[in-house]
C-alpha atoms as a PDB file:
ATOM      1  CA  VAL A   1       5.854 -11.942  -8.214  1.00  0.00           C
ATOM      2  CA  GLN A   2       8.063  -9.528  -6.316  1.00  0.00           C
ATOM      3  CA  LEU A   3       7.027  -6.211  -4.842  1.00  0.00           C
ATOM      4  CA  GLN A   4       9.188  -3.179  -4.276  1.00  0.00           C
ATOM      5  CA  ALA A   5       7.729  -0.555  -1.976  1.00  0.00           C
ATOM      6  CA  SER A   6       9.116   2.925  -1.533  1.00  0.00           C
ATOM      7  CA  GLY A   7       8.222   6.392  -0.356  1.00  0.00           C
ATOM      8  CA  GLY A   8       8.241   6.058   3.404  1.00  0.00           C
ATOM      9  CA  GLY A   9      10.016   8.483   5.667  1.00  0.00           C
ATOM     10  CA  LEU A  10       9.746  10.980   8.486  1.00  0.00           C
ATOM     11  CA  VAL A  11       7.086  13.662   8.241  1.00  0.00           C
ATOM     12  CA  GLN A  12       5.493  16.117  10.628  1.00  0.00           C
ATOM     13  CA  ALA A  13       1.868  15.741  11.612  1.00  0.00           C
ATOM     14  CA  GLY A  14      -0.343  17.324   8.982  1.00  0.00           C
ATOM     15  CA  GLY A  15       2.124  16.536   6.235  1.00  0.00           C
ATOM     16  CA  SER A  16       1.905  14.235   3.226  1.00  0.00           C
ATOM     17  CA  LEU A  17       3.700  11.246   1.791  1.00  0.00           C
ATOM     18  CA  ARG A  18       3.167   9.129  -1.294  1.00  0.00           C
ATOM     19  CA  LEU A  19       3.985   5.429  -1.202  1.00  0.00           C
ATOM     20  CA  SER A  20       4.644   3.415  -4.338  1.00  0.00           C
ATOM     21  CA  CYS A  21       4.626  -0.342  -4.892  1.00  0.00           C
ATOM     22  CA  VAL A  22       5.846  -1.933  -8.100  1.00  0.00           C
ATOM     23  CA  ALA A  23       5.052  -5.547  -8.965  1.00  0.00           C
ATOM     24  CA  SER A  24       7.435  -7.453 -11.205  1.00  0.00           C
ATOM     25  CA  GLY A  25       8.652 -10.909 -12.117  1.00  0.00           C
ATOM     26  CA  GLY A  26       7.658 -13.076 -15.024  1.00  0.00           C
ATOM     27  CA  VAL A  27       4.243 -13.443 -16.549  1.00  0.00           C
ATOM     28  CA  PHE A  28       1.428 -12.527 -14.226  1.00  0.00           C
ATOM     29  CA  SER A  29      -1.881 -10.766 -13.955  1.00  0.00           C
ATOM     30  CA  ILE A  30      -3.079  -8.678 -11.055  1.00  0.00           C
ATOM     31  CA  ASN A  31      -6.515  -8.831  -9.492  1.00  0.00           C
ATOM     32  CA  ALA A  32      -5.951  -6.384  -6.663  1.00  0.00           C
ATOM     33  CA  MET A  33      -3.270  -4.458  -4.830  1.00  0.00           C
ATOM     34  CA  ALA A  34      -3.461  -3.319  -1.251  1.00  0.00           C
ATOM     35  CA  TRP A  35      -1.631  -1.490   1.486  1.00  0.00           C
ATOM     36  CA  PHE A  36      -1.487  -2.801   5.021  1.00  0.00           C
ATOM     37  CA  ARG A  37       0.263  -1.331   8.019  1.00  0.00           C
ATOM     38  CA  GLN A  38       1.580  -2.565  11.309  1.00  0.00           C
ATOM     39  CA  ALA A  39       2.319  -0.259  14.205  1.00  0.00           C
ATOM     40  CA  PRO A  40       4.572  -1.346  17.084  1.00  0.00           C
ATOM     41  CA  GLY A  41       2.752  -3.794  19.336  1.00  0.00           C
ATOM     42  CA  LYS A  42      -0.284  -3.952  17.074  1.00  0.00           C
ATOM     43  CA  GLN A  43      -1.619  -6.361  14.497  1.00  0.00           C
ATOM     44  CA  ARG A  44      -1.256  -5.745  10.813  1.00  0.00           C
ATOM     45  CA  GLU A  45      -4.322  -3.980   9.448  1.00  0.00           C
ATOM     46  CA  LEU A  46      -5.704  -3.228   6.013  1.00  0.00           C
ATOM     47  CA  VAL A  47      -5.330   0.406   5.003  1.00  0.00           C
ATOM     48  CA  ALA A  48      -6.712   0.360   1.474  1.00  0.00           C
ATOM     49  CA  ILE A  49      -7.291  -1.993  -1.425  1.00  0.00           C
ATOM     50  CA  ILE A  50      -7.881  -1.436  -5.127  1.00  0.00           C
ATOM     51  CA  THR A  51      -8.801  -3.769  -7.964  1.00  0.00           C
ATOM     52  CA  THR A  52      -7.452  -3.429 -11.466  1.00  0.00           C
ATOM     53  CA  GLY A  53     -10.927  -2.290 -12.389  1.00  0.00           C
ATOM     54  CA  GLY A  54     -10.545   0.665 -10.060  1.00  0.00           C
ATOM     55  CA  SER A  55     -12.821  -0.352  -7.201  1.00  0.00           C
ATOM     56  CA  THR A  56     -11.433   0.825  -3.886  1.00  0.00           C
ATOM     57  CA  LYS A  57     -11.957   0.390  -0.180  1.00  0.00           C
ATOM     58  CA  HIS A  58     -10.298   2.445   2.524  1.00  0.00           C
ATOM     59  CA  ALA A  59     -10.183   1.785   6.240  1.00  0.00           C
ATOM     60  CA  ASP A  60     -12.418   4.104   8.235  1.00  0.00           C
ATOM     61  CA  SER A  61      -9.379   5.490  10.036  1.00  0.00           C
ATOM     62  CA  VAL A  62      -7.916   6.865   6.794  1.00  0.00           C
ATOM     63  CA  LYS A  63     -11.009   7.783   4.790  1.00  0.00           C
ATOM     64  CA  GLY A  64     -10.789  11.309   3.462  1.00  0.00           C
ATOM     65  CA  ARG A  65      -7.038  11.450   4.100  1.00  0.00           C
ATOM     66  CA  PHE A  66      -5.526   8.536   2.164  1.00  0.00           C
ATOM     67  CA  THR A  67      -6.178   7.593  -1.438  1.00  0.00           C
ATOM     68  CA  ILE A  68      -5.113   4.396  -3.146  1.00  0.00           C
ATOM     69  CA  SER A  69      -4.634   4.317  -6.896  1.00  0.00           C
ATOM     70  CA  ILE A  70      -3.232   1.944  -9.481  1.00  0.00           C
ATOM     71  CA  ASP A  71      -1.391   2.210 -12.763  1.00  0.00           C
ATOM     72  CA  ASN A  72      -2.217  -1.012 -14.580  1.00  0.00           C
ATOM     73  CA  ILE A  73       0.383  -0.380 -17.284  1.00  0.00           C
ATOM     74  CA  LYS A  74       3.185   0.029 -14.770  1.00  0.00           C
ATOM     75  CA  ASN A  75       1.850  -2.654 -12.367  1.00  0.00           C
ATOM     76  CA  THR A  76       2.169  -0.040  -9.665  1.00  0.00           C
ATOM     77  CA  ALA A  77      -0.034   0.927  -6.759  1.00  0.00           C
ATOM     78  CA  TYR A  78       0.197   4.223  -4.941  1.00  0.00           C
ATOM     79  CA  LEU A  79      -0.977   5.395  -1.561  1.00  0.00           C
ATOM     80  CA  GLN A  80      -1.312   9.151  -1.259  1.00  0.00           C
ATOM     81  CA  MET A  81      -1.342  10.022   2.415  1.00  0.00           C
ATOM     82  CA  ASN A  82      -2.428  13.515   3.433  1.00  0.00           C
ATOM     83  CA  SER A  83      -3.104  15.102   6.806  1.00  0.00           C
ATOM     84  CA  LEU A  84      -0.911  12.518   8.460  1.00  0.00           C
ATOM     85  CA  LYS A  85      -1.393  11.882  12.151  1.00  0.00           C
ATOM     86  CA  PHE A  86       0.954  10.514  14.782  1.00  0.00           C
ATOM     87  CA  GLU A  87      -1.152   7.356  14.903  1.00  0.00           C
ATOM     88  CA  ASP A  88      -0.399   6.697  11.230  1.00  0.00           C
ATOM     89  CA  THR A  89       3.140   5.807  12.246  1.00  0.00           C
ATOM     90  CA  ALA A  90       3.741   2.220  11.146  1.00  0.00           C
ATOM     91  CA  VAL A  91       5.508  -0.024   8.705  1.00  0.00           C
ATOM     92  CA  TYR A  92       3.440  -0.043   5.542  1.00  0.00           C
ATOM     93  CA  TYR A  93       3.326  -3.224   3.487  1.00  0.00           C
ATOM     94  CA  CYS A  94       2.220  -3.660  -0.072  1.00  0.00           C
ATOM     95  CA  ASN A  95       0.256  -6.750  -1.070  1.00  0.00           C
ATOM     96  CA  VAL A  96      -0.752  -8.055  -4.463  1.00  0.00           C
ATOM     97  CA  LYS A  97      -3.057 -10.894  -5.462  1.00  0.00           C
ATOM     98  CA  GLY A  98      -3.463 -12.359  -8.911  1.00  0.00           C
ATOM     99  CA  THR A  99      -2.563 -15.277 -11.101  1.00  0.00           C
ATOM    100  CA  SER A 100       0.672 -16.367 -12.698  1.00  0.00           C
ATOM    101  CA  ARG A 101       0.737 -19.162 -15.273  1.00  0.00           C
ATOM    102  CA  GLY A 102      -2.769 -20.154 -14.187  1.00  0.00           C
ATOM    103  CA  LEU A 103      -1.943 -20.362 -10.494  1.00  0.00           C
ATOM    104  CA  PRO A 104      -3.028 -17.873  -7.823  1.00  0.00           C
ATOM    105  CA  TYR A 105      -0.416 -15.944  -5.921  1.00  0.00           C
ATOM    106  CA  ASP A 106      -0.395 -13.634  -2.921  1.00  0.00           C
ATOM    107  CA  SER A 107       2.780 -11.613  -2.510  1.00  0.00           C
ATOM    108  CA  TRP A 108       4.034  -9.136   0.053  1.00  0.00           C
ATOM    109  CA  GLY A 109       6.558  -6.348  -0.210  1.00  0.00           C
ATOM    110  CA  GLN A 110       9.329  -5.709   2.284  1.00  0.00           C
ATOM    111  CA  GLY A 111       7.612  -2.832   4.056  1.00  0.00           C
ATOM    112  CA  THR A 112       8.407   0.849   4.201  1.00  0.00           C
ATOM    113  CA  LEU A 113       8.501   2.797   7.452  1.00  0.00           C
ATOM    114  CA  VAL A 114       6.341   5.868   7.883  1.00  0.00           C
ATOM    115  CA  THR A 115       7.064   7.959  10.953  1.00  0.00           C
ATOM    116  CA  VAL A 116       4.834  10.901  11.813  1.00  0.00           C
ATOM    117  CA  SER A 117       6.176  13.293  14.408  1.00  0.00           C
ATOM    118  CA  SER A 118       3.701  15.136  16.589  1.00  0.00           C
END
């Protein structure tokens, strides 16, 4: 399963961006999709995760500002990011977990850079 992430860019503090992540490639089912981020010099951290049933979890640092959603028909996850802060600057990675032909998979996208100017 391949992931294509998009939507990153440069935005001023207080602004908004919407990230998209499309899963494709053969026959597969999705259990959950997630967004992680990695800032320079820091470890990769979970931002938000959503199951195909719609259950979500957001990191405390983004609660009330970011919202993850999923379109099960399009195999696409979104991350709506509002009230962006300088500390949100990072490379954002999409992750998907599921099964393909009876075997579990765990795939990562290439990352999309989000830069928030103060």
